[in-house]
N, C-alpha and C. Protein backbone atom coordinates (compact mmCIF):
# COMPACT_ATOMS: atom_id res chain seq x y z
N UNK A 1 86.99 51.13 -64.94
CA UNK A 1 86.43 51.04 -66.25
C UNK A 1 85.38 52.15 -66.39
N UNK A 2 85.40 52.78 -67.54
CA UNK A 2 84.46 53.87 -67.84
C UNK A 2 83.57 53.42 -68.99
N UNK A 3 82.26 53.61 -68.87
CA UNK A 3 81.35 53.22 -69.95
C UNK A 3 81.68 53.94 -71.26
N UNK A 4 81.45 53.28 -72.36
CA UNK A 4 81.69 53.87 -73.68
C UNK A 4 80.87 55.15 -73.80
N UNK A 5 81.51 56.20 -74.30
CA UNK A 5 80.83 57.47 -74.50
C UNK A 5 80.82 58.37 -73.28
N UNK A 6 81.38 57.89 -72.16
CA UNK A 6 81.34 58.67 -70.93
C UNK A 6 82.74 59.02 -70.43
N UNK A 7 83.76 58.81 -71.25
CA UNK A 7 85.14 59.00 -70.79
C UNK A 7 85.49 60.45 -70.50
N UNK A 8 84.89 61.39 -71.21
CA UNK A 8 85.26 62.80 -71.03
C UNK A 8 84.99 63.30 -69.62
N UNK A 9 83.92 62.84 -69.00
CA UNK A 9 83.61 63.31 -67.65
C UNK A 9 84.55 62.71 -66.61
N UNK A 10 85.28 61.66 -66.96
CA UNK A 10 86.20 61.01 -66.03
C UNK A 10 87.66 61.28 -66.35
N UNK A 11 87.97 61.91 -67.45
CA UNK A 11 89.36 62.05 -67.92
C UNK A 11 90.24 62.79 -66.92
N UNK A 12 89.73 63.81 -66.27
CA UNK A 12 90.56 64.59 -65.34
C UNK A 12 91.00 63.77 -64.14
N UNK A 13 90.29 62.72 -63.82
CA UNK A 13 90.61 61.88 -62.67
C UNK A 13 91.54 60.73 -63.03
N UNK A 14 91.68 60.40 -64.29
CA UNK A 14 92.44 59.22 -64.70
C UNK A 14 93.94 59.49 -64.64
N UNK A 15 94.67 58.55 -64.08
CA UNK A 15 96.13 58.62 -64.06
C UNK A 15 96.72 57.72 -65.14
N UNK A 16 95.93 56.76 -65.58
CA UNK A 16 96.39 55.78 -66.55
C UNK A 16 95.20 55.28 -67.35
N UNK A 17 95.40 55.16 -68.67
CA UNK A 17 94.41 54.53 -69.54
C UNK A 17 95.10 53.35 -70.20
N UNK A 18 94.40 52.21 -70.23
CA UNK A 18 94.92 51.01 -70.88
C UNK A 18 93.96 50.61 -71.98
N UNK A 19 94.48 50.50 -73.20
CA UNK A 19 93.70 50.02 -74.34
C UNK A 19 94.15 48.59 -74.64
N UNK A 20 93.21 47.71 -74.87
CA UNK A 20 93.53 46.36 -75.33
C UNK A 20 93.22 46.34 -76.81
N UNK A 21 94.27 46.21 -77.60
CA UNK A 21 94.17 46.40 -79.04
C UNK A 21 94.46 45.10 -79.78
N UNK A 22 93.52 44.70 -80.59
CA UNK A 22 93.75 43.52 -81.42
C UNK A 22 93.81 43.90 -82.89
N UNK A 23 92.95 44.83 -83.29
CA UNK A 23 92.91 45.21 -84.71
C UNK A 23 92.98 46.71 -84.93
N UNK A 24 93.05 47.50 -83.87
CA UNK A 24 92.99 48.96 -84.00
C UNK A 24 94.29 49.63 -83.55
N UNK A 25 95.41 48.97 -83.72
CA UNK A 25 96.70 49.46 -83.22
C UNK A 25 97.04 50.86 -83.74
N UNK A 26 96.87 51.10 -85.03
CA UNK A 26 97.23 52.40 -85.60
C UNK A 26 96.43 53.53 -84.96
N UNK A 27 95.15 53.31 -84.75
CA UNK A 27 94.29 54.32 -84.11
C UNK A 27 94.68 54.48 -82.64
N UNK A 28 94.91 53.36 -81.96
CA UNK A 28 95.24 53.40 -80.53
C UNK A 28 96.56 54.12 -80.27
N UNK A 29 97.55 53.92 -81.13
CA UNK A 29 98.86 54.54 -80.93
C UNK A 29 98.97 55.93 -81.54
N UNK A 30 98.00 56.32 -82.34
CA UNK A 30 98.03 57.63 -82.98
C UNK A 30 96.98 58.56 -82.42
N UNK A 31 95.80 58.50 -83.00
CA UNK A 31 94.73 59.44 -82.65
C UNK A 31 94.32 59.36 -81.18
N UNK A 32 94.15 58.14 -80.66
CA UNK A 32 93.71 58.02 -79.26
C UNK A 32 94.78 58.52 -78.29
N UNK A 33 96.04 58.26 -78.59
CA UNK A 33 97.12 58.75 -77.73
C UNK A 33 97.08 60.27 -77.64
N UNK A 34 96.86 60.94 -78.76
CA UNK A 34 96.78 62.40 -78.77
C UNK A 34 95.56 62.91 -78.01
N UNK A 35 94.44 62.23 -78.16
CA UNK A 35 93.21 62.62 -77.45
C UNK A 35 93.41 62.50 -75.95
N UNK A 36 93.98 61.39 -75.50
CA UNK A 36 94.20 61.19 -74.07
C UNK A 36 95.20 62.19 -73.51
N UNK A 37 96.24 62.50 -74.27
CA UNK A 37 97.22 63.51 -73.83
C UNK A 37 96.55 64.87 -73.69
N UNK A 38 95.73 65.25 -74.67
CA UNK A 38 95.02 66.53 -74.61
C UNK A 38 94.06 66.59 -73.43
N UNK A 39 93.54 65.43 -73.02
CA UNK A 39 92.62 65.38 -71.88
C UNK A 39 93.36 65.44 -70.55
N UNK A 40 94.71 65.39 -70.61
CA UNK A 40 95.49 65.51 -69.39
C UNK A 40 95.86 64.19 -68.73
N UNK A 41 95.61 63.09 -69.40
CA UNK A 41 95.94 61.77 -68.84
C UNK A 41 97.44 61.55 -69.01
N UNK A 42 98.16 61.35 -67.90
CA UNK A 42 99.62 61.33 -67.96
C UNK A 42 100.24 60.07 -68.55
N UNK A 43 99.56 58.95 -68.48
CA UNK A 43 100.17 57.71 -68.98
C UNK A 43 99.13 56.87 -69.71
N UNK A 44 99.58 56.23 -70.77
CA UNK A 44 98.69 55.50 -71.66
C UNK A 44 99.41 54.22 -72.09
N UNK A 45 98.77 53.08 -71.87
CA UNK A 45 99.34 51.79 -72.26
C UNK A 45 98.47 51.18 -73.34
N UNK A 46 99.11 50.56 -74.31
CA UNK A 46 98.39 49.81 -75.34
C UNK A 46 98.90 48.38 -75.30
N UNK A 47 98.01 47.46 -74.98
CA UNK A 47 98.33 46.05 -75.00
C UNK A 47 97.96 45.54 -76.39
N UNK A 48 98.98 45.31 -77.20
CA UNK A 48 98.80 44.91 -78.59
C UNK A 48 98.74 43.39 -78.66
N UNK A 49 97.55 42.84 -78.77
CA UNK A 49 97.37 41.39 -78.78
C UNK A 49 97.86 40.74 -80.06
N UNK A 50 97.84 41.47 -81.16
CA UNK A 50 98.27 40.91 -82.44
C UNK A 50 99.78 40.66 -82.46
N UNK A 51 100.56 41.58 -81.86
CA UNK A 51 102.02 41.45 -81.87
C UNK A 51 102.59 41.06 -80.51
N UNK A 52 101.72 40.79 -79.54
CA UNK A 52 102.14 40.40 -78.19
C UNK A 52 103.11 41.42 -77.59
N UNK A 53 102.71 42.71 -77.60
CA UNK A 53 103.55 43.79 -77.07
C UNK A 53 102.73 44.68 -76.15
N UNK A 54 103.44 45.28 -75.21
CA UNK A 54 102.86 46.33 -74.38
C UNK A 54 103.62 47.61 -74.71
N UNK A 55 102.89 48.62 -75.17
CA UNK A 55 103.50 49.91 -75.50
C UNK A 55 103.09 50.90 -74.42
N UNK A 56 104.08 51.55 -73.81
CA UNK A 56 103.83 52.52 -72.75
C UNK A 56 104.18 53.90 -73.28
N UNK A 57 103.22 54.82 -73.17
CA UNK A 57 103.43 56.19 -73.62
C UNK A 57 103.11 57.15 -72.48
N UNK A 58 103.87 58.24 -72.42
CA UNK A 58 103.64 59.27 -71.40
C UNK A 58 103.42 60.62 -72.05
N UNK A 59 102.58 61.41 -71.43
CA UNK A 59 102.28 62.76 -71.94
C UNK A 59 103.46 63.67 -71.64
N UNK A 60 103.96 64.33 -72.65
CA UNK A 60 105.06 65.27 -72.48
C UNK A 60 104.53 66.69 -72.35
N UNK A 61 103.52 67.02 -73.13
CA UNK A 61 102.85 68.31 -73.04
C UNK A 61 101.39 68.07 -73.38
N UNK A 62 100.62 69.12 -73.54
CA UNK A 62 99.18 68.94 -73.74
C UNK A 62 98.82 68.15 -74.99
N UNK A 63 99.70 68.14 -76.00
CA UNK A 63 99.37 67.39 -77.22
C UNK A 63 100.49 66.44 -77.66
N UNK A 64 101.59 66.40 -76.93
CA UNK A 64 102.71 65.55 -77.33
C UNK A 64 102.80 64.32 -76.44
N UNK A 65 103.05 63.19 -77.07
CA UNK A 65 103.17 61.92 -76.37
C UNK A 65 104.53 61.33 -76.69
N UNK A 66 105.18 60.78 -75.67
CA UNK A 66 106.49 60.15 -75.85
C UNK A 66 106.37 58.68 -75.50
N UNK A 67 106.84 57.82 -76.39
CA UNK A 67 106.86 56.39 -76.11
C UNK A 67 108.05 56.12 -75.20
N UNK A 68 107.79 55.53 -74.05
CA UNK A 68 108.86 55.28 -73.10
C UNK A 68 109.26 53.82 -73.02
N UNK A 69 108.42 52.91 -73.51
CA UNK A 69 108.76 51.50 -73.48
C UNK A 69 107.91 50.74 -74.48
N UNK A 70 108.51 49.71 -75.02
CA UNK A 70 107.79 48.74 -75.86
C UNK A 70 108.30 47.38 -75.43
N UNK A 71 107.47 46.65 -74.74
CA UNK A 71 107.86 45.38 -74.13
C UNK A 71 107.22 44.24 -74.90
N UNK A 72 108.03 43.31 -75.32
CA UNK A 72 107.49 42.14 -76.01
C UNK A 72 108.17 41.82 -77.28
């Protein structure tokens, strides 16, 4: 876990980021996915509590993200 506001200094070390999303799904699957991909984080999961789904995305290039699974 990384403190709020301190993620940039840890991004290069992260292999996976998991967001727990209840009301911010659009932001988590859009803007945040692009930010994490640009930071070099290879895999990003969004646990969508509202729809009971786990969305798995992988970085394809520095700014492109590909959804590889949607479970639930």
